[in-house]
Amino acid sequence: MLKQENNNAYGKTSDLILRFCYRRKTTVLDDVYFTAPFKIMKPFTSATSARFMILSASAGIMAGDQQKINICLEKGADVELTSQSYEKIHKMLADAEGTRNIEITMANDTRLFYMPQPTIPFAQSAFVDSTVIHLANNTAKLFFSEILSSGRTAHHERFLYRKYISSIKIYEDENLCYFENTRYLPMQQKLVSFGFYEGYTHLATLLIFNFANSKKLLEKIRQLITEATEIDGGASLINDDKLCIKTFANSSEVLVNFTNTIKKVLNT
């Protein structure tokens, strides 16, 4: 068997650079640059906002893949970003992994809904992800969601991946206001137990920064969690205008619907 080398299948780092601006009373994609496998779909626009879908020609994250994503929102931009399908992290040999680095910069008076589709780590896969977000000040509104499966549950693969490491750093006015360092190592941790997935198979993380009426929103989200029959979790107010929500379920669809419900609450 040939050794699986930890080299990007595309020969170099896969780049995606997006810059949005507010022009003529609407948000437009002012500049874009991408290399394989990335593409960007033509947007769906409304009166002021724009919904963009990031496309990928790849079947998912492969051994050695290295991705770099840079997103910039200039003053007034209102953007929703999503991905075309669930992201699959494929099986890899013991010395291989995939990596991704994301940097998001938001000027004042901007709003971003960053809502990629759920991630599914296959058995024996390994992935390292880093996200850094810079908010100019508290007029930059951020809705960030991430849904991580325990594996291909329909194939009875639960926590059979080698590692999933993800860090999120959010700065506001150059001050670090949120830091999360996730390290899931199934061979070393009992991820089904208390403090991890607690018997569930899917976990959603939602970060809601600088939206109005955060305390009322917190109460509404807690009510939604309490009334839901298929999810469990909690919501915390980090400070006066920043929320962190963690919810569990046994289906990614349930968590996607829950995320969309909160999004609708914010838009009403």
C-alpha atoms as a PDB file:
ATOM      1  CA  MET A   1       0.000   0.000   0.000  1.00  0.00           C
ATOM      2  CA  LEU A   2       1.305   3.440  -0.882  1.00  0.00           C
ATOM      3  CA  LYS A   3       1.909   5.803   2.003  1.00  0.00           C
ATOM      4  CA  GLN A   4      -0.701   8.560   2.234  1.00  0.00           C
ATOM      5  CA  GLU A   5       1.276  11.779   2.322  1.00  0.00           C
ATOM      6  CA  ASN A   6       0.069  14.845   4.196  1.00  0.00           C
ATOM      7  CA  ASN A   7       0.033  17.042   1.076  1.00  0.00           C
ATOM      8  CA  ASN A   8      -2.803  19.095  -0.295  1.00  0.00           C
ATOM      9  CA  ALA A   9      -4.424  17.316  -3.241  1.00  0.00           C
ATOM     10  CA  TYR A  10      -4.605  20.682  -5.019  1.00  0.00           C
ATOM     11  CA  GLY A  11      -0.855  21.229  -4.841  1.00  0.00           C
ATOM     12  CA  LYS A  12      -1.068  24.327  -2.645  1.00  0.00           C
ATOM     13  CA  THR A  13      -3.239  26.007  -0.060  1.00  0.00           C
ATOM     14  CA  SER A  14      -6.841  26.398  -1.227  1.00  0.00           C
ATOM     15  CA  ASP A  15      -7.797  30.068  -0.851  1.00  0.00           C
ATOM     16  CA  LEU A  16     -11.109  31.881  -0.667  1.00  0.00           C
ATOM     17  CA  ILE A  17     -11.148  35.671  -0.272  1.00  0.00           C
ATOM     18  CA  LEU A  18     -14.422  37.607  -0.103  1.00  0.00           C
ATOM     19  CA  ARG A  19     -14.912  41.338   0.439  1.00  0.00           C
ATOM     20  CA  PHE A  20     -18.394  42.773   0.813  1.00  0.00           C
ATOM     21  CA  CYS A  21     -19.437  46.415   0.744  1.00  0.00           C
ATOM     22  CA  TYR A  22     -22.635  48.442   0.914  1.00  0.00           C
ATOM     23  CA  ARG A  23     -23.273  50.280  -2.321  1.00  0.00           C
ATOM     24  CA  ARG A  24     -26.393  51.870  -3.845  1.00  0.00           C
ATOM     25  CA  LYS A  25     -28.508  50.789  -0.887  1.00  0.00           C
ATOM     26  CA  THR A  26     -27.600  47.113  -1.102  1.00  0.00           C
ATOM     27  CA  THR A  27     -24.806  44.714  -0.142  1.00  0.00           C
ATOM     28  CA  VAL A  28     -22.575  43.568  -2.984  1.00  0.00           C
ATOM     29  CA  LEU A  29     -19.583  41.272  -3.329  1.00  0.00           C
ATOM     30  CA  ASP A  30     -16.966  43.887  -4.094  1.00  0.00           C
ATOM     31  CA  ASP A  31     -14.017  41.533  -4.559  1.00  0.00           C
ATOM     32  CA  VAL A  32     -13.612  37.765  -4.771  1.00  0.00           C
ATOM     33  CA  TYR A  33     -10.697  35.407  -5.267  1.00  0.00           C
ATOM     34  CA  PHE A  34     -10.698  31.623  -5.018  1.00  0.00           C
ATOM     35  CA  THR A  35      -8.656  28.580  -5.953  1.00  0.00           C
ATOM     36  CA  ALA A  36      -9.786  24.942  -6.258  1.00  0.00           C
ATOM     37  CA  PRO A  37     -11.974  23.520  -4.868  1.00  0.00           C
ATOM     38  CA  PHE A  38     -13.727  26.769  -3.842  1.00  0.00           C
ATOM     39  CA  LYS A  39     -16.336  28.680  -5.808  1.00  0.00           C
ATOM     40  CA  ILE A  40     -18.981  31.228  -4.843  1.00  0.00           C
ATOM     41  CA  MET A  41     -22.578  31.072  -6.027  1.00  0.00           C
ATOM     42  CA  LYS A  42     -24.462  34.049  -7.432  1.00  0.00           C
ATOM     43  CA  PRO A  43     -26.175  35.732  -4.443  1.00  0.00           C
ATOM     44  CA  PHE A  44     -29.802  35.961  -3.451  1.00  0.00           C
ATOM     45  CA  THR A  45     -30.378  39.610  -2.581  1.00  0.00           C
ATOM     46  CA  SER A  46     -33.063  41.503  -0.697  1.00  0.00           C
ATOM     47  CA  ALA A  47     -33.511  45.194  -0.013  1.00  0.00           C
ATOM     48  CA  THR A  48     -30.306  45.555   2.007  1.00  0.00           C
ATOM     49  CA  SER A  49     -28.822  42.091   2.641  1.00  0.00           C
ATOM     50  CA  ALA A  50     -27.291  39.422   0.441  1.00  0.00           C
ATOM     51  CA  ARG A  51     -27.201  35.635   0.850  1.00  0.00           C
ATOM     52  CA  PHE A  52     -24.160  33.860  -0.552  1.00  0.00           C
ATOM     53  CA  MET A  53     -23.385  30.159  -0.797  1.00  0.00           C
ATOM     54  CA  ILE A  54     -19.817  28.874  -0.751  1.00  0.00           C
ATOM     55  CA  LEU A  55     -19.410  25.982  -3.183  1.00  0.00           C
ATOM     56  CA  SER A  56     -16.791  23.263  -3.256  1.00  0.00           C
ATOM     57  CA  ALA A  57     -15.844  20.982  -6.141  1.00  0.00           C
ATOM     58  CA  SER A  58     -14.421  18.497  -3.646  1.00  0.00           C
ATOM     59  CA  ALA A  59     -16.252  15.610  -1.978  1.00  0.00           C
ATOM     60  CA  GLY A  60     -15.046  16.951   1.354  1.00  0.00           C
ATOM     61  CA  ILE A  61     -11.888  17.419   3.399  1.00  0.00           C
ATOM     62  CA  MET A  62      -9.191  14.962   2.359  1.00  0.00           C
ATOM     63  CA  ALA A  63      -5.839  14.070   3.914  1.00  0.00           C
ATOM     64  CA  GLY A  64      -3.405  16.948   3.570  1.00  0.00           C
ATOM     65  CA  ASP A  65      -5.992  19.538   2.508  1.00  0.00           C
ATOM     66  CA  GLN A  66      -5.054  23.033   3.613  1.00  0.00           C
ATOM     67  CA  GLN A  67      -7.683  25.742   3.320  1.00  0.00           C
ATOM     68  CA  LYS A  68      -7.526  29.455   4.027  1.00  0.00           C
ATOM     69  CA  ILE A  69     -10.654  31.641   4.055  1.00  0.00           C
ATOM     70  CA  ASN A  70     -10.622  35.414   4.440  1.00  0.00           C
ATOM     71  CA  ILE A  71     -13.907  37.345   4.713  1.00  0.00           C
ATOM     72  CA  CYS A  72     -14.196  41.116   5.031  1.00  0.00           C
ATOM     73  CA  LEU A  73     -17.347  43.164   5.579  1.00  0.00           C
ATOM     74  CA  GLU A  74     -16.948  46.876   4.959  1.00  0.00           C
ATOM     75  CA  LYS A  75     -19.169  49.475   6.617  1.00  0.00           C
ATOM     76  CA  GLY A  76     -22.876  48.845   6.121  1.00  0.00           C
ATOM     77  CA  ALA A  77     -22.575  45.338   4.626  1.00  0.00           C
ATOM     78  CA  ASP A  78     -25.291  42.832   5.610  1.00  0.00           C
ATOM     79  CA  VAL A  79     -24.367  39.266   4.625  1.00  0.00           C
ATOM     80  CA  GLU A  80     -25.530  35.698   5.135  1.00  0.00           C
ATOM     81  CA  LEU A  81     -22.979  33.013   4.292  1.00  0.00           C
ATOM     82  CA  THR A  82     -23.717  29.324   4.079  1.00  0.00           C
ATOM     83  CA  SER A  83     -22.293  26.236   2.344  1.00  0.00           C
ATOM     84  CA  GLN A  84     -23.815  23.989  -0.295  1.00  0.00           C
ATOM     85  CA  SER A  85     -23.931  20.715   1.625  1.00  0.00           C
ATOM     86  CA  TYR A  86     -22.833  18.886   4.729  1.00  0.00           C
ATOM     87  CA  GLU A  87     -19.067  18.919   5.045  1.00  0.00           C
ATOM     88  CA  LYS A  88     -17.489  15.465   5.142  1.00  0.00           C
ATOM     89  CA  ILE A  89     -14.056  14.904   6.654  1.00  0.00           C
ATOM     90  CA  HIS A  90     -12.849  11.707   5.024  1.00  0.00           C
ATOM     91  CA  LYS A  91     -10.865   8.767   6.359  1.00  0.00           C
ATOM     92  CA  MET A  92      -7.112   9.377   6.585  1.00  0.00           C
ATOM     93  CA  LEU A  93      -3.990   7.451   7.466  1.00  0.00           C
ATOM     94  CA  ALA A  94      -2.528   7.865  10.928  1.00  0.00           C
ATOM     95  CA  ASP A  95      -0.065  10.631  10.050  1.00  0.00           C
ATOM     96  CA  ALA A  96      -2.456  12.776   7.957  1.00  0.00           C
ATOM     97  CA  GLU A  97      -4.921  15.546   8.710  1.00  0.00           C
ATOM     98  CA  GLY A  98      -6.804  18.389   7.061  1.00  0.00           C
ATOM     99  CA  THR A  99      -6.546  22.012   8.179  1.00  0.00           C
ATOM    100  CA  ARG A 100      -8.514  25.208   7.727  1.00  0.00           C
ATOM    101  CA  ASN A 101      -7.860  28.784   8.834  1.00  0.00           C
ATOM    102  CA  ILE A 102     -10.656  31.350   8.718  1.00  0.00           C
ATOM    103  CA  GLU A 103     -10.289  35.077   9.341  1.00  0.00           C
ATOM    104  CA  ILE A 104     -13.314  37.365   9.377  1.00  0.00           C
ATOM    105  CA  THR A 105     -13.129  41.154   9.659  1.00  0.00           C
ATOM    106  CA  MET A 106     -16.264  43.226  10.279  1.00  0.00           C
ATOM    107  CA  ALA A 107     -16.315  47.023  10.109  1.00  0.00           C
ATOM    108  CA  ASN A 108     -18.781  49.137  12.066  1.00  0.00           C
ATOM    109  CA  ASP A 109     -22.492  48.943  11.163  1.00  0.00           C
ATOM    110  CA  THR A 110     -22.186  45.471   9.621  1.00  0.00           C
ATOM    111  CA  ARG A 111     -24.127  42.262  10.133  1.00  0.00           C
ATOM    112  CA  LEU A 112     -23.041  38.700   9.348  1.00  0.00           C
ATOM    113  CA  PHE A 113     -24.930  35.426   9.598  1.00  0.00           C
ATOM    114  CA  TYR A 114     -22.225  32.774   9.213  1.00  0.00           C
ATOM    115  CA  MET A 115     -24.119  29.476   8.945  1.00  0.00           C
ATOM    116  CA  PRO A 116     -22.190  26.632   7.276  1.00  0.00           C
ATOM    117  CA  GLN A 117     -23.846  23.235   6.939  1.00  0.00           C
ATOM    118  CA  PRO A 118     -23.070  20.581   9.605  1.00  0.00           C
ATOM    119  CA  THR A 119     -19.722  18.790   9.682  1.00  0.00           C
ATOM    120  CA  ILE A 120     -19.404  14.996   9.637  1.00  0.00           C
ATOM    121  CA  PRO A 121     -16.012  13.528  10.637  1.00  0.00           C
ATOM    122  CA  PHE A 122     -15.603  10.023   9.202  1.00  0.00           C
ATOM    123  CA  ALA A 123     -13.856   7.215  11.069  1.00  0.00           C
ATOM    124  CA  GLN A 124     -10.055   7.697  11.317  1.00  0.00           C
ATOM    125  CA  SER A 125     -10.235  11.297  10.116  1.00  0.00           C
ATOM    126  CA  ALA A 126      -8.375  14.231  11.653  1.00  0.00           C
ATOM    127  CA  PHE A 127      -9.117  17.927  11.292  1.00  0.00           C
ATOM    128  CA  VAL A 128      -7.678  21.136  12.753  1.00  0.00           C
ATOM    129  CA  ASP A 129      -9.671  24.349  12.363  1.00  0.00           C
ATOM    130  CA  SER A 130      -8.932  27.911  13.479  1.00  0.00           C
ATOM    131  CA  THR A 131     -11.354  30.857  13.269  1.00  0.00           C
ATOM    132  CA  VAL A 132     -10.426  34.439  14.167  1.00  0.00           C
ATOM    133  CA  ILE A 133     -13.075  37.171  13.991  1.00  0.00           C
ATOM    134  CA  HIS A 134     -12.398  40.892  14.336  1.00  0.00           C
ATOM    135  CA  LEU A 135     -15.336  43.158  15.195  1.00  0.00           C
ATOM    136  CA  ALA A 136     -14.689  46.883  14.806  1.00  0.00           C
ATOM    137  CA  ASN A 137     -16.995  47.710  17.740  1.00  0.00           C
ATOM    138  CA  ASN A 138     -20.410  46.805  19.148  1.00  0.00           C
ATOM    139  CA  THR A 139     -22.178  47.975  15.969  1.00  0.00           C
ATOM    140  CA  ALA A 140     -20.827  44.874  14.186  1.00  0.00           C
ATOM    141  CA  LYS A 141     -23.504  42.198  14.628  1.00  0.00           C
ATOM    142  CA  LEU A 142     -22.407  38.570  14.411  1.00  0.00           C
ATOM    143  CA  PHE A 143     -24.443  35.361  14.247  1.00  0.00           C
ATOM    144  CA  PHE A 144     -22.063  32.389  14.106  1.00  0.00           C
ATOM    145  CA  SER A 145     -23.228  28.763  14.057  1.00  0.00           C
ATOM    146  CA  GLU A 146     -21.402  25.455  13.988  1.00  0.00           C
ATOM    147  CA  ILE A 147     -22.930  21.966  14.047  1.00  0.00           C
ATOM    148  CA  LEU A 148     -20.674  18.957  14.595  1.00  0.00           C
ATOM    149  CA  SER A 149     -21.792  15.361  14.264  1.00  0.00           C
ATOM    150  CA  SER A 150     -20.193  12.516  16.176  1.00  0.00           C
ATOM    151  CA  GLY A 151     -19.661  10.768  12.839  1.00  0.00           C
ATOM    152  CA  ARG A 152     -21.657   8.922  10.202  1.00  0.00           C
ATOM    153  CA  THR A 153     -24.331   7.848  12.658  1.00  0.00           C
ATOM    154  CA  ALA A 154     -26.372   6.058   9.960  1.00  0.00           C
ATOM    155  CA  HIS A 155     -23.312   3.825   9.452  1.00  0.00           C
ATOM    156  CA  HIS A 156     -22.956   3.324  13.227  1.00  0.00           C
ATOM    157  CA  GLU A 157     -19.812   5.483  13.279  1.00  0.00           C
ATOM    158  CA  ARG A 158     -19.822   7.484  16.483  1.00  0.00           C
ATOM    159  CA  PHE A 159     -16.652   9.114  17.743  1.00  0.00           C
ATOM    160  CA  LEU A 160     -14.438   6.950  15.567  1.00  0.00           C
ATOM    161  CA  TYR A 161     -12.456   9.883  14.165  1.00  0.00           C
ATOM    162  CA  ARG A 162      -8.919  10.445  15.457  1.00  0.00           C
ATOM    163  CA  LYS A 163      -9.207  14.095  16.354  1.00  0.00           C
ATOM    164  CA  TYR A 164     -11.220  17.238  15.813  1.00  0.00           C
ATOM    165  CA  ILE A 165      -9.572  20.435  17.040  1.00  0.00           C
ATOM    166  CA  SER A 166     -11.218  23.809  16.646  1.00  0.00           C
ATOM    167  CA  SER A 167     -10.432  27.213  18.100  1.00  0.00           C
ATOM    168  CA  ILE A 168     -12.564  30.369  17.905  1.00  0.00           C
ATOM    169  CA  LYS A 169     -11.220  33.780  18.882  1.00  0.00           C
ATOM    170  CA  ILE A 170     -13.381  36.898  18.654  1.00  0.00           C
ATOM    171  CA  TYR A 171     -11.964  40.372  19.113  1.00  0.00           C
ATOM    172  CA  GLU A 172     -13.950  43.564  19.539  1.00  0.00           C
ATOM    173  CA  ASP A 173     -12.165  46.870  19.192  1.00  0.00           C
ATOM    174  CA  GLU A 174      -8.894  44.844  19.336  1.00  0.00           C
ATOM    175  CA  ASN A 175      -9.823  43.302  22.694  1.00  0.00           C
ATOM    176  CA  LEU A 176     -10.309  39.541  22.988  1.00  0.00           C
ATOM    177  CA  CYS A 177     -13.927  39.067  24.093  1.00  0.00           C
ATOM    178  CA  TYR A 178     -14.454  35.362  23.381  1.00  0.00           C
ATOM    179  CA  PHE A 179     -12.173  32.340  23.162  1.00  0.00           C
ATOM    180  CA  GLU A 180     -13.151  28.709  22.712  1.00  0.00           C
ATOM    181  CA  ASN A 181     -10.634  25.905  22.346  1.00  0.00           C
ATOM    182  CA  THR A 182     -12.244  22.596  21.416  1.00  0.00           C
ATOM    183  CA  ARG A 183     -10.142  19.429  21.445  1.00  0.00           C
ATOM    184  CA  TYR A 184     -12.006  16.203  20.760  1.00  0.00           C
ATOM    185  CA  LEU A 185      -9.741  13.138  20.950  1.00  0.00           C
ATOM    186  CA  PRO A 186     -12.040  10.089  21.055  1.00  0.00           C
ATOM    187  CA  MET A 187      -9.232   7.642  21.858  1.00  0.00           C
ATOM    188  CA  GLN A 188      -8.417   9.658  24.988  1.00  0.00           C
ATOM    189  CA  GLN A 189     -11.817  11.058  26.009  1.00  0.00           C
ATOM    190  CA  LYS A 190     -15.237   9.564  26.712  1.00  0.00           C
ATOM    191  CA  LEU A 191     -17.095  11.889  24.380  1.00  0.00           C
ATOM    192  CA  VAL A 192     -20.461  10.238  25.003  1.00  0.00           C
ATOM    193  CA  SER A 193     -20.271  11.125  28.694  1.00  0.00           C
ATOM    194  CA  PHE A 194     -21.192  14.115  30.867  1.00  0.00           C
ATOM    195  CA  GLY A 195     -19.360  17.290  29.931  1.00  0.00           C
ATOM    196  CA  PHE A 196     -19.120  16.278  26.283  1.00  0.00           C
ATOM    197  CA  TYR A 197     -22.025  15.016  24.138  1.00  0.00           C
ATOM    198  CA  GLU A 198     -23.889  13.545  27.131  1.00  0.00           C
ATOM    199  CA  GLY A 199     -25.420  10.670  25.185  1.00  0.00           C
ATOM    200  CA  TYR A 200     -26.367  12.707  22.097  1.00  0.00           C
ATOM    201  CA  THR A 201     -24.813  12.466  18.646  1.00  0.00           C
ATOM    202  CA  HIS A 202     -24.856  16.104  17.423  1.00  0.00           C
ATOM    203  CA  LEU A 203     -23.741  19.382  18.985  1.00  0.00           C
ATOM    204  CA  ALA A 204     -24.524  22.937  17.876  1.00  0.00           C
ATOM    205  CA  THR A 205     -22.650  26.053  18.949  1.00  0.00           C
ATOM    206  CA  LEU A 206     -24.270  29.441  18.362  1.00  0.00           C
ATOM    207  CA  LEU A 207     -22.659  32.788  19.090  1.00  0.00           C
ATOM    208  CA  ILE A 208     -24.831  35.908  18.905  1.00  0.00           C
ATOM    209  CA  PHE A 209     -22.950  39.159  19.379  1.00  0.00           C
ATOM    210  CA  ASN A 210     -24.190  42.763  19.542  1.00  0.00           C
ATOM    211  CA  PHE A 211     -27.836  42.256  18.629  1.00  0.00           C
ATOM    212  CA  ALA A 212     -30.434  44.369  20.447  1.00  0.00           C
ATOM    213  CA  ASN A 213     -32.357  43.185  23.517  1.00  0.00           C
ATOM    214  CA  SER A 214     -29.922  40.397  24.394  1.00  0.00           C
ATOM    215  CA  LYS A 215     -31.541  39.664  27.764  1.00  0.00           C
ATOM    216  CA  LYS A 216     -34.979  39.206  26.191  1.00  0.00           C
ATOM    217  CA  LEU A 217     -33.399  37.106  23.456  1.00  0.00           C
ATOM    218  CA  LEU A 218     -31.713  34.949  26.102  1.00  0.00           C
ATOM    219  CA  GLU A 219     -35.074  34.331  27.793  1.00  0.00           C
ATOM    220  CA  LYS A 220     -36.664  33.445  24.443  1.00  0.00           C
ATOM    221  CA  ILE A 221     -33.893  30.992  23.540  1.00  0.00           C
ATOM    222  CA  ARG A 222     -34.068  29.308  26.935  1.00  0.00           C
ATOM    223  CA  GLN A 223     -37.811  28.985  26.476  1.00  0.00           C
ATOM    224  CA  LEU A 224     -37.321  27.393  23.045  1.00  0.00           C
ATOM    225  CA  ILE A 225     -34.834  24.891  24.488  1.00  0.00           C
ATOM    226  CA  THR A 226     -37.147  24.039  27.397  1.00  0.00           C
ATOM    227  CA  GLU A 227     -40.140  23.512  25.120  1.00  0.00           C
ATOM    228  CA  ALA A 228     -38.247  21.467  22.512  1.00  0.00           C
ATOM    229  CA  THR A 229     -38.686  17.709  22.755  1.00  0.00           C
ATOM    230  CA  GLU A 230     -35.710  16.672  20.621  1.00  0.00           C
ATOM    231  CA  ILE A 231     -32.932  18.949  21.895  1.00  0.00           C
ATOM    232  CA  ASP A 232     -31.198  19.740  25.151  1.00  0.00           C
ATOM    233  CA  GLY A 233     -28.730  22.442  26.065  1.00  0.00           C
ATOM    234  CA  GLY A 234     -28.311  25.876  27.531  1.00  0.00           C
ATOM    235  CA  ALA A 235     -27.734  29.534  26.774  1.00  0.00           C
ATOM    236  CA  SER A 236     -25.486  32.019  28.557  1.00  0.00           C
ATOM    237  CA  LEU A 237     -25.121  35.779  28.473  1.00  0.00           C
ATOM    238  CA  ILE A 238     -21.395  36.499  28.201  1.00  0.00           C
ATOM    239  CA  ASN A 239     -21.965  40.180  28.873  1.00  0.00           C
ATOM    240  CA  ASP A 240     -24.683  42.715  28.102  1.00  0.00           C
ATOM    241  CA  ASP A 241     -24.849  41.998  24.370  1.00  0.00           C
ATOM    242  CA  LYS A 242     -23.142  38.658  23.711  1.00  0.00           C
ATOM    243  CA  LEU A 243     -24.709  35.197  23.921  1.00  0.00           C
ATOM    244  CA  CYS A 244     -23.367  31.647  23.657  1.00  0.00           C
ATOM    245  CA  ILE A 245     -25.753  28.736  23.056  1.00  0.00           C
ATOM    246  CA  LYS A 246     -24.878  25.034  23.149  1.00  0.00           C
ATOM    247  CA  THR A 247     -27.520  22.481  22.137  1.00  0.00           C
ATOM    248  CA  PHE A 248     -27.520  18.708  21.676  1.00  0.00           C
ATOM    249  CA  ALA A 249     -29.689  16.441  19.532  1.00  0.00           C
ATOM    250  CA  ASN A 250     -29.649  13.087  17.783  1.00  0.00           C
ATOM    251  CA  SER A 251     -30.119  14.635  14.361  1.00  0.00           C
ATOM    252  CA  SER A 252     -28.370  17.425  12.490  1.00  0.00           C
ATOM    253  CA  GLU A 253     -31.678  18.447  10.897  1.00  0.00           C
ATOM    254  CA  VAL A 254     -33.143  19.192  14.320  1.00  0.00           C
ATOM    255  CA  LEU A 255     -30.247  21.509  15.138  1.00  0.00           C
ATOM    256  CA  VAL A 256     -30.377  23.187  11.722  1.00  0.00           C
ATOM    257  CA  ASN A 257     -34.078  23.910  12.265  1.00  0.00           C
ATOM    258  CA  PHE A 258     -33.388  25.236  15.766  1.00  0.00           C
ATOM    259  CA  THR A 259     -30.666  27.529  14.391  1.00  0.00           C
ATOM    260  CA  ASN A 260     -33.016  28.828  11.705  1.00  0.00           C
ATOM    261  CA  THR A 261     -35.693  29.468  14.309  1.00  0.00           C
ATOM    262  CA  ILE A 262     -33.348  31.702  16.292  1.00  0.00           C
ATOM    263  CA  LYS A 263     -32.324  33.464  13.120  1.00  0.00           C
ATOM    264  CA  LYS A 264     -35.990  34.244  12.406  1.00  0.00           C
ATOM    265  CA  VAL A 265     -36.388  35.605  15.939  1.00  0.00           C
ATOM    266  CA  LEU A 266     -33.487  37.997  15.310  1.00  0.00           C
ATOM    267  CA  ASN A 267     -35.014  39.165  12.033  1.00  0.00           C
ATOM    268  CA  THR A 268     -38.434  39.975  13.489  1.00  0.00           C
END
